[in-house]
Amino acid sequence: MLIAGSIILPLLMFYTQQIWPRLRFIYNLVSIVAVLVFGNIASLSIYQIIIDKTVFMTAIHAIFLNPFFLIAGSYIGVYILYRLLLLSLEEREYE
């Protein structure tokens, strides 16, 4: 399911942004929000570990229980694949 999703979702994003150009802006905006959420959760978790002086390797894994962290990270992964697809097709036009 993860492998199929990482192939199908970027392709779906690519084709839908060609049909509805406004989706390009929406995909970019959602990626900005996802990076902010992902980064803030990660930094706050690390800050809390430093403050509590807990064992880093065991305490940091609690971050994977946060659904917002997982959703944001998933979107960032799919978005990066989508952007790489756009970049690859753009570079192909110059050949």
N, C-alpha and C. Protein backbone atom coordinates (compact mmCIF):
# COMPACT_ATOMS: atom_id res chain seq x y z
N MET A 1 0.82 -1.19 0.00
CA MET A 1 0.00 0.00 0.00
C MET A 1 0.87 1.26 0.00
N LEU A 2 1.95 1.24 0.78
CA LEU A 2 2.83 2.41 0.82
C LEU A 2 3.53 2.62 -0.52
N ILE A 3 3.98 1.55 -1.12
CA ILE A 3 4.68 1.67 -2.40
C ILE A 3 3.72 2.12 -3.49
N ALA A 4 2.53 1.52 -3.53
CA ALA A 4 1.53 1.91 -4.52
C ALA A 4 1.12 3.37 -4.32
N GLY A 5 0.94 3.78 -3.08
CA GLY A 5 0.58 5.17 -2.80
C GLY A 5 1.66 6.14 -3.20
N SER A 6 2.92 5.75 -3.02
CA SER A 6 4.01 6.65 -3.39
C SER A 6 4.20 6.74 -4.90
N ILE A 7 3.58 5.86 -5.64
CA ILE A 7 3.62 5.94 -7.10
C ILE A 7 2.35 6.60 -7.63
N ILE A 8 1.21 6.18 -7.13
CA ILE A 8 -0.07 6.64 -7.65
C ILE A 8 -0.38 8.09 -7.26
N LEU A 9 -0.17 8.45 -6.01
CA LEU A 9 -0.53 9.81 -5.56
C LEU A 9 0.24 10.92 -6.27
N PRO A 10 1.57 10.81 -6.45
CA PRO A 10 2.24 11.87 -7.22
C PRO A 10 1.76 11.95 -8.67
N LEU A 11 1.48 10.80 -9.28
CA LEU A 11 0.94 10.82 -10.65
C LEU A 11 -0.44 11.46 -10.68
N LEU A 12 -1.26 11.15 -9.68
CA LEU A 12 -2.59 11.75 -9.59
C LEU A 12 -2.48 13.28 -9.40
N MET A 13 -1.55 13.69 -8.56
CA MET A 13 -1.33 15.12 -8.36
C MET A 13 -0.89 15.78 -9.66
N PHE A 14 -0.01 15.11 -10.40
CA PHE A 14 0.49 15.67 -11.65
C PHE A 14 -0.65 15.86 -12.65
N TYR A 15 -1.46 14.84 -12.83
CA TYR A 15 -2.55 14.93 -13.82
C TYR A 15 -3.65 15.91 -13.40
N THR A 16 -3.95 15.96 -12.11
CA THR A 16 -5.00 16.89 -11.67
C THR A 16 -4.54 18.35 -11.77
N GLN A 17 -3.27 18.62 -11.55
CA GLN A 17 -2.80 20.00 -11.67
C GLN A 17 -2.75 20.44 -13.12
N GLN A 18 -2.68 19.50 -14.05
CA GLN A 18 -2.76 19.87 -15.46
C GLN A 18 -4.18 20.20 -15.86
N ILE A 19 -5.15 19.50 -15.27
CA ILE A 19 -6.56 19.75 -15.58
C ILE A 19 -7.04 21.03 -14.90
N TRP A 20 -6.70 21.18 -13.62
CA TRP A 20 -7.08 22.36 -12.83
C TRP A 20 -5.82 23.07 -12.36
N PRO A 21 -5.34 24.06 -13.09
CA PRO A 21 -4.08 24.74 -12.73
C PRO A 21 -4.08 25.35 -11.33
N ARG A 22 -5.24 25.68 -10.80
CA ARG A 22 -5.31 26.25 -9.45
C ARG A 22 -4.80 25.26 -8.38
N LEU A 23 -4.84 23.97 -8.69
CA LEU A 23 -4.35 22.97 -7.75
C LEU A 23 -2.85 23.09 -7.50
N ARG A 24 -2.11 23.65 -8.45
CA ARG A 24 -0.67 23.87 -8.23
C ARG A 24 -0.45 24.72 -6.98
N PHE A 25 -1.20 25.81 -6.89
CA PHE A 25 -1.09 26.69 -5.73
C PHE A 25 -1.52 25.97 -4.45
N ILE A 26 -2.59 25.21 -4.54
CA ILE A 26 -3.09 24.49 -3.36
C ILE A 26 -2.07 23.45 -2.89
N TYR A 27 -1.50 22.69 -3.83
CA TYR A 27 -0.47 21.70 -3.46
C TYR A 27 0.73 22.37 -2.80
N ASN A 28 1.14 23.51 -3.34
CA ASN A 28 2.27 24.23 -2.75
C ASN A 28 1.93 24.78 -1.37
N LEU A 29 0.73 25.33 -1.22
CA LEU A 29 0.31 25.87 0.07
C LEU A 29 0.22 24.77 1.14
N VAL A 30 -0.34 23.65 0.77
CA VAL A 30 -0.44 22.53 1.72
C VAL A 30 0.95 22.04 2.10
N SER A 31 1.88 22.06 1.15
CA SER A 31 3.24 21.61 1.48
C SER A 31 3.91 22.56 2.47
N ILE A 32 3.65 23.86 2.35
CA ILE A 32 4.21 24.82 3.30
C ILE A 32 3.66 24.55 4.70
N VAL A 33 2.36 24.34 4.80
CA VAL A 33 1.74 24.04 6.10
C VAL A 33 2.29 22.72 6.65
N ALA A 34 2.44 21.72 5.79
CA ALA A 34 2.94 20.41 6.24
C ALA A 34 4.37 20.52 6.76
N VAL A 35 5.21 21.28 6.08
CA VAL A 35 6.59 21.44 6.54
C VAL A 35 6.63 22.19 7.87
N LEU A 36 5.78 23.20 8.02
CA LEU A 36 5.72 23.92 9.30
C LEU A 36 5.26 23.01 10.43
N VAL A 37 4.22 22.24 10.20
CA VAL A 37 3.72 21.32 11.23
C VAL A 37 4.78 20.28 11.57
N PHE A 38 5.35 19.67 10.55
CA PHE A 38 6.37 18.63 10.74
C PHE A 38 7.57 19.18 11.52
N GLY A 39 8.07 20.32 11.08
CA GLY A 39 9.24 20.90 11.74
C GLY A 39 8.98 21.35 13.16
N ASN A 40 7.81 21.96 13.38
CA ASN A 40 7.49 22.42 14.74
C ASN A 40 7.30 21.26 15.70
N ILE A 41 6.63 20.21 15.27
CA ILE A 41 6.44 19.05 16.15
C ILE A 41 7.79 18.42 16.46
N ALA A 42 8.64 18.27 15.45
CA ALA A 42 9.96 17.68 15.67
C ALA A 42 10.79 18.53 16.62
N SER A 43 10.81 19.83 16.40
CA SER A 43 11.64 20.69 17.25
C SER A 43 11.10 20.77 18.68
N LEU A 44 9.78 20.82 18.83
CA LEU A 44 9.21 20.84 20.18
C LEU A 44 9.47 19.54 20.92
N SER A 45 9.42 18.43 20.21
CA SER A 45 9.71 17.13 20.84
C SER A 45 11.16 17.05 21.29
N ILE A 46 12.06 17.51 20.46
CA ILE A 46 13.47 17.49 20.83
C ILE A 46 13.73 18.46 21.98
N TYR A 47 13.10 19.61 21.94
CA TYR A 47 13.25 20.58 23.04
C TYR A 47 12.77 19.98 24.36
N GLN A 48 11.64 19.29 24.32
CA GLN A 48 11.10 18.67 25.54
C GLN A 48 12.05 17.60 26.08
N ILE A 49 12.68 16.86 25.20
CA ILE A 49 13.64 15.83 25.62
C ILE A 49 14.85 16.49 26.28
N ILE A 50 15.30 17.59 25.72
CA ILE A 50 16.44 18.29 26.32
C ILE A 50 16.07 18.86 27.68
N ILE A 51 14.88 19.44 27.80
CA ILE A 51 14.43 20.00 29.07
C ILE A 51 14.28 18.92 30.14
N ASP A 52 13.66 17.80 29.74
CA ASP A 52 13.43 16.70 30.70
C ASP A 52 14.67 15.88 30.99
N LYS A 53 15.72 16.06 30.16
CA LYS A 53 16.97 15.30 30.30
C LYS A 53 16.69 13.79 30.26
N THR A 54 15.84 13.40 29.33
CA THR A 54 15.52 11.98 29.17
C THR A 54 16.49 11.34 28.19
N VAL A 55 16.45 10.03 28.14
CA VAL A 55 17.30 9.31 27.19
C VAL A 55 16.77 9.59 25.79
N PHE A 56 17.60 10.16 24.96
CA PHE A 56 17.18 10.65 23.66
C PHE A 56 16.57 9.57 22.77
N MET A 57 17.21 8.45 22.62
CA MET A 57 16.77 7.45 21.65
C MET A 57 15.43 6.82 22.02
N THR A 58 15.12 6.68 23.28
CA THR A 58 13.85 6.07 23.65
C THR A 58 12.71 7.08 23.67
N ALA A 59 12.99 8.28 24.09
CA ALA A 59 11.93 9.29 24.21
C ALA A 59 11.52 9.87 22.86
N ILE A 60 12.44 9.98 21.94
CA ILE A 60 12.13 10.63 20.67
C ILE A 60 11.15 9.80 19.84
N HIS A 61 11.09 8.51 20.06
CA HIS A 61 10.20 7.67 19.26
C HIS A 61 8.72 7.93 19.57
N ALA A 62 8.42 8.62 20.62
CA ALA A 62 7.03 8.99 20.93
C ALA A 62 6.48 9.95 19.87
N ILE A 63 7.35 10.61 19.15
CA ILE A 63 6.91 11.54 18.10
C ILE A 63 6.13 10.80 17.02
N PHE A 64 6.43 9.52 16.82
CA PHE A 64 5.74 8.74 15.80
C PHE A 64 4.30 8.39 16.19
N LEU A 65 3.92 8.69 17.40
CA LEU A 65 2.53 8.47 17.83
C LEU A 65 1.66 9.69 17.53
N ASN A 66 2.26 10.77 17.12
CA ASN A 66 1.51 11.99 16.81
C ASN A 66 0.95 11.91 15.39
N PRO A 67 -0.38 11.86 15.24
CA PRO A 67 -0.95 11.73 13.89
C PRO A 67 -0.67 12.93 12.98
N PHE A 68 -0.56 14.13 13.55
CA PHE A 68 -0.26 15.31 12.74
C PHE A 68 1.14 15.22 12.14
N PHE A 69 2.08 14.69 12.93
CA PHE A 69 3.44 14.48 12.45
C PHE A 69 3.46 13.48 11.30
N LEU A 70 2.74 12.40 11.46
CA LEU A 70 2.70 11.36 10.43
C LEU A 70 2.01 11.83 9.16
N ILE A 71 0.90 12.54 9.30
CA ILE A 71 0.19 13.05 8.12
C ILE A 71 1.04 14.08 7.38
N ALA A 72 1.64 15.00 8.13
CA ALA A 72 2.49 16.02 7.50
C ALA A 72 3.68 15.38 6.80
N GLY A 73 4.31 14.43 7.45
CA GLY A 73 5.45 13.73 6.85
C GLY A 73 5.07 12.96 5.60
N SER A 74 3.90 12.35 5.63
CA SER A 74 3.42 11.61 4.46
C SER A 74 3.19 12.54 3.29
N TYR A 75 2.55 13.67 3.54
CA TYR A 75 2.29 14.61 2.46
C TYR A 75 3.60 15.17 1.90
N ILE A 76 4.55 15.46 2.77
CA ILE A 76 5.84 15.98 2.32
C ILE A 76 6.51 14.96 1.40
N GLY A 77 6.45 13.69 1.76
CA GLY A 77 7.05 12.65 0.91
C GLY A 77 6.39 12.56 -0.45
N VAL A 78 5.07 12.58 -0.49
CA VAL A 78 4.34 12.52 -1.75
C VAL A 78 4.58 13.78 -2.57
N TYR A 79 4.60 14.92 -1.91
CA TYR A 79 4.82 16.20 -2.59
C TYR A 79 6.21 16.25 -3.22
N ILE A 80 7.21 15.76 -2.53
CA ILE A 80 8.56 15.75 -3.08
C ILE A 80 8.61 14.89 -4.34
N LEU A 81 7.95 13.74 -4.32
CA LEU A 81 7.91 12.89 -5.51
C LEU A 81 7.18 13.59 -6.65
N TYR A 82 6.10 14.28 -6.35
CA TYR A 82 5.35 15.06 -7.34
C TYR A 82 6.23 16.14 -7.96
N ARG A 83 6.97 16.87 -7.13
CA ARG A 83 7.84 17.93 -7.64
C ARG A 83 8.99 17.35 -8.48
N LEU A 84 9.52 16.20 -8.08
CA LEU A 84 10.57 15.56 -8.86
C LEU A 84 10.04 15.12 -10.22
N LEU A 85 8.79 14.66 -10.25
CA LEU A 85 8.16 14.30 -11.52
C LEU A 85 8.04 15.52 -12.42
N LEU A 86 7.58 16.65 -11.86
CA LEU A 86 7.50 17.89 -12.64
C LEU A 86 8.88 18.32 -13.15
N LEU A 87 9.87 18.24 -12.29
CA LEU A 87 11.22 18.64 -12.67
C LEU A 87 11.77 17.74 -13.77
N SER A 88 11.55 16.45 -13.65
CA SER A 88 12.04 15.51 -14.66
C SER A 88 11.39 15.76 -16.01
N LEU A 89 10.10 16.02 -16.01
CA LEU A 89 9.41 16.29 -17.28
C LEU A 89 9.83 17.62 -17.87
N GLU A 90 10.09 18.59 -17.03
CA GLU A 90 10.55 19.90 -17.51
C GLU A 90 11.94 19.78 -18.13
N GLU A 91 12.83 19.03 -17.52
CA GLU A 91 14.18 18.85 -18.04
C GLU A 91 14.16 18.05 -19.34
N ARG A 92 13.21 17.16 -19.46
CA ARG A 92 13.09 16.36 -20.68
C ARG A 92 12.74 17.23 -21.89
N GLU A 93 12.03 18.32 -21.65
CA GLU A 93 11.65 19.23 -22.74
C GLU A 93 12.85 19.94 -23.33
N TYR A 94 13.93 20.08 -22.56
CA TYR A 94 15.11 20.78 -23.03
C TYR A 94 16.06 19.90 -23.82
N GLU A 95 15.79 18.63 -23.90
CA GLU A 95 16.67 17.70 -24.64
C GLU A 95 16.43 17.78 -26.11
